[in-house]
C-alpha cells in the first residue's frame, strides 16, 4: 500500500530531521570526547573508541540520507 504523497513527504522530513540531530550530536560528542580525553590524559585507545563511535554515527546518517534521496527519486 502506497503512502499518500503528503504522508510520504512528512515521513522523509522526519527522517531528515533525525539525520540532522544525529549528525550534530555525533559531532558534539566526538569533539567533547576528544577534548575530555586530552584534559584527563586518557590513553590513545579511548580516543580511537570515540573515533569509532563517531564513524558509526556518520555511516548511519549517510545510509539514511541515501535512503531519503532514493525515496525522492521514485
N, C-alpha and C. Protein backbone atom coordinates (compact mmCIF):
# COMPACT_ATOMS: atom_id res chain seq x y z
N UNK A 1 0.83 -1.18 0.00
CA UNK A 1 0.00 0.00 0.00
C UNK A 1 0.88 1.24 0.00
N UNK A 2 0.63 2.13 -0.92
CA UNK A 2 1.43 3.35 -1.07
C UNK A 2 0.98 4.41 -0.08
N UNK A 3 1.96 5.14 0.47
CA UNK A 3 1.63 6.30 1.28
C UNK A 3 1.13 7.40 0.38
N UNK A 4 0.24 8.21 0.90
CA UNK A 4 -0.16 9.39 0.14
C UNK A 4 1.06 10.29 0.03
N UNK A 5 1.13 11.13 -1.01
CA UNK A 5 2.32 11.97 -1.20
C UNK A 5 2.64 12.85 0.01
N UNK A 6 1.63 13.41 0.65
CA UNK A 6 1.92 14.27 1.78
C UNK A 6 2.41 13.48 2.99
N UNK A 7 1.92 12.25 3.16
CA UNK A 7 2.41 11.40 4.25
C UNK A 7 3.85 10.96 3.99
N UNK A 8 4.14 10.61 2.77
CA UNK A 8 5.50 10.19 2.43
C UNK A 8 6.48 11.34 2.61
N UNK A 9 6.06 12.52 2.21
CA UNK A 9 6.93 13.70 2.36
C UNK A 9 7.14 14.02 3.84
N UNK A 10 6.10 13.89 4.65
CA UNK A 10 6.22 14.13 6.09
C UNK A 10 7.17 13.11 6.73
N UNK A 11 7.09 11.85 6.28
CA UNK A 11 7.99 10.82 6.80
C UNK A 11 9.44 11.13 6.44
N UNK A 12 9.64 11.55 5.19
CA UNK A 12 11.00 11.92 4.77
C UNK A 12 11.52 13.11 5.55
N UNK A 13 10.65 14.06 5.83
CA UNK A 13 11.06 15.24 6.61
C UNK A 13 11.46 14.83 8.03
N UNK A 14 10.69 13.90 8.63
CA UNK A 14 11.05 13.42 9.97
C UNK A 14 12.40 12.71 9.95
N UNK A 15 12.61 11.88 8.93
CA UNK A 15 13.89 11.18 8.81
C UNK A 15 15.04 12.16 8.62
N UNK A 16 14.80 13.20 7.83
CA UNK A 16 15.85 14.20 7.59
C UNK A 16 16.18 14.95 8.87
N UNK A 17 15.16 15.27 9.68
CA UNK A 17 15.42 15.93 10.96
C UNK A 17 16.21 15.02 11.89
N UNK A 18 15.86 13.74 11.89
CA UNK A 18 16.59 12.78 12.72
C UNK A 18 18.05 12.70 12.29
N UNK A 19 18.29 12.68 10.99
CA UNK A 19 19.66 12.64 10.48
C UNK A 19 20.42 13.89 10.94
N UNK A 20 19.78 15.04 10.85
CA UNK A 20 20.44 16.28 11.28
C UNK A 20 20.79 16.23 12.76
N UNK A 21 19.88 15.73 13.58
CA UNK A 21 20.15 15.63 15.02
C UNK A 21 21.27 14.64 15.31
N UNK A 22 21.27 13.52 14.61
CA UNK A 22 22.33 12.53 14.81
C UNK A 22 23.68 13.09 14.38
N UNK A 23 23.72 13.79 13.27
CA UNK A 23 24.98 14.38 12.82
C UNK A 23 25.51 15.41 13.82
N UNK A 24 24.63 16.30 14.27
CA UNK A 24 25.05 17.33 15.23
C UNK A 24 25.46 16.70 16.55
N UNK A 25 24.68 15.73 17.03
CA UNK A 25 25.02 15.08 18.29
C UNK A 25 26.30 14.28 18.21
N UNK A 26 26.49 13.58 17.11
CA UNK A 26 27.71 12.80 16.92
C UNK A 26 28.93 13.70 16.92
N UNK A 27 28.83 14.81 16.20
CA UNK A 27 29.97 15.72 16.14
C UNK A 27 30.27 16.32 17.51
N UNK A 28 29.21 16.73 18.23
CA UNK A 28 29.41 17.32 19.56
C UNK A 28 30.02 16.31 20.53
N UNK A 29 29.49 15.08 20.53
CA UNK A 29 30.04 14.06 21.42
C UNK A 29 31.46 13.69 21.05
N UNK A 30 31.74 13.63 19.76
CA UNK A 30 33.09 13.28 19.32
C UNK A 30 34.09 14.37 19.75
N UNK A 31 33.74 15.62 19.49
CA UNK A 31 34.64 16.71 19.89
C UNK A 31 34.79 16.77 21.41
N UNK A 32 33.67 16.59 22.11
CA UNK A 32 33.73 16.59 23.58
C UNK A 32 34.58 15.45 24.11
N UNK A 33 34.45 14.29 23.51
CA UNK A 33 35.25 13.14 23.94
C UNK A 33 36.73 13.36 23.69
N UNK A 34 37.05 13.94 22.55
CA UNK A 34 38.46 14.23 22.26
C UNK A 34 39.02 15.25 23.24
N UNK A 35 38.25 16.28 23.52
CA UNK A 35 38.69 17.32 24.45
C UNK A 35 38.85 16.75 25.86
N UNK A 36 37.84 16.00 26.30
CA UNK A 36 37.87 15.42 27.64
C UNK A 36 39.02 14.43 27.79
N UNK A 37 39.24 13.63 26.75
CA UNK A 37 40.36 12.69 26.78
C UNK A 37 41.69 13.39 26.92
N UNK A 38 41.83 14.52 26.23
CA UNK A 38 43.07 15.29 26.35
C UNK A 38 43.25 15.91 27.73
N UNK A 39 42.15 16.42 28.28
CA UNK A 39 42.22 17.05 29.60
C UNK A 39 42.50 16.04 30.70
N UNK A 40 41.93 14.84 30.59
CA UNK A 40 42.11 13.82 31.61
C UNK A 40 43.34 12.96 31.38
N UNK A 41 43.97 13.12 30.23
CA UNK A 41 45.16 12.35 29.91
C UNK A 41 44.86 10.87 29.67
N UNK A 42 43.70 10.60 29.07
CA UNK A 42 43.33 9.22 28.79
C UNK A 42 44.23 8.62 27.71
N UNK A 43 44.30 7.31 27.72
CA UNK A 43 45.12 6.61 26.73
C UNK A 43 44.55 6.81 25.32
N UNK A 44 45.41 6.59 24.34
CA UNK A 44 45.00 6.78 22.94
C UNK A 44 43.89 5.81 22.52
N UNK A 45 43.80 4.66 23.15
CA UNK A 45 42.77 3.70 22.78
C UNK A 45 41.38 4.27 23.03
N UNK A 46 41.24 5.15 24.02
CA UNK A 46 39.94 5.78 24.27
C UNK A 46 39.61 6.80 23.19
N UNK A 47 40.62 7.48 22.69
CA UNK A 47 40.40 8.40 21.57
C UNK A 47 39.93 7.62 20.35
N UNK A 48 40.52 6.45 20.11
CA UNK A 48 40.09 5.61 18.99
C UNK A 48 38.67 5.11 19.20
N UNK A 49 38.29 4.84 20.45
CA UNK A 49 36.93 4.41 20.73
C UNK A 49 35.94 5.52 20.37
N UNK A 50 36.25 6.77 20.74
CA UNK A 50 35.40 7.89 20.35
C UNK A 50 35.36 8.03 18.83
N UNK A 51 36.50 7.82 18.19
CA UNK A 51 36.53 7.90 16.72
C UNK A 51 35.64 6.84 16.08
N UNK A 52 35.70 5.61 16.57
CA UNK A 52 34.88 4.54 16.00
C UNK A 52 33.39 4.79 16.22
N UNK A 53 33.04 5.30 17.39
CA UNK A 53 31.62 5.61 17.64
C UNK A 53 31.15 6.72 16.71
N UNK A 54 32.01 7.72 16.48
CA UNK A 54 31.65 8.81 15.57
C UNK A 54 31.51 8.29 14.14
N UNK A 55 32.40 7.43 13.72
CA UNK A 55 32.31 6.85 12.38
C UNK A 55 31.00 6.09 12.23
N UNK A 56 30.61 5.34 13.26
CA UNK A 56 29.35 4.59 13.20
C UNK A 56 28.17 5.55 13.04
N UNK A 57 28.16 6.64 13.77
CA UNK A 57 27.08 7.62 13.65
C UNK A 57 27.05 8.26 12.27
N UNK A 58 28.21 8.58 11.74
CA UNK A 58 28.27 9.21 10.42
C UNK A 58 27.86 8.24 9.31
N UNK A 59 28.26 6.99 9.43
CA UNK A 59 27.86 5.98 8.43
C UNK A 59 26.35 5.78 8.47
N UNK A 60 25.78 5.70 9.67
CA UNK A 60 24.33 5.56 9.79
C UNK A 60 23.63 6.73 9.12
N UNK A 61 24.10 7.95 9.39
CA UNK A 61 23.49 9.15 8.80
C UNK A 61 23.62 9.12 7.27
N UNK A 62 24.74 8.66 6.76
CA UNK A 62 24.94 8.57 5.32
C UNK A 62 23.96 7.58 4.69
N UNK A 63 23.78 6.43 5.33
CA UNK A 63 22.87 5.42 4.81
C UNK A 63 21.44 5.94 4.80
N UNK A 64 21.01 6.57 5.87
CA UNK A 64 19.64 7.09 5.94
C UNK A 64 19.46 8.23 4.94
N UNK A 65 20.45 9.08 4.79
CA UNK A 65 20.37 10.16 3.81
C UNK A 65 20.25 9.59 2.40
N UNK A 66 20.99 8.54 2.10
CA UNK A 66 20.90 7.89 0.80
C UNK A 66 19.50 7.32 0.58
N UNK A 67 18.92 6.69 1.62
CA UNK A 67 17.56 6.17 1.53
C UNK A 67 16.56 7.29 1.25
N UNK A 68 16.72 8.43 1.91
CA UNK A 68 15.82 9.56 1.69
C UNK A 68 15.94 10.03 0.24
N UNK A 69 17.17 10.16 -0.22
CA UNK A 69 17.41 10.62 -1.59
C UNK A 69 16.79 9.66 -2.60
N UNK A 70 17.00 8.34 -2.39
CA UNK A 70 16.43 7.35 -3.31
C UNK A 70 14.90 7.37 -3.26
N UNK A 71 14.34 7.61 -2.10
CA UNK A 71 12.90 7.68 -1.98
C UNK A 71 12.29 8.84 -2.75
N UNK A 72 13.02 9.91 -2.84
CA UNK A 72 12.54 11.08 -3.59
C UNK A 72 12.66 10.87 -5.10
N UNK A 73 13.54 9.95 -5.50
CA UNK A 73 13.73 9.70 -6.94
C UNK A 73 12.55 8.94 -7.53
N UNK A 74 11.90 8.12 -6.71
CA UNK A 74 10.86 7.24 -7.23
C UNK A 74 9.52 7.79 -7.15
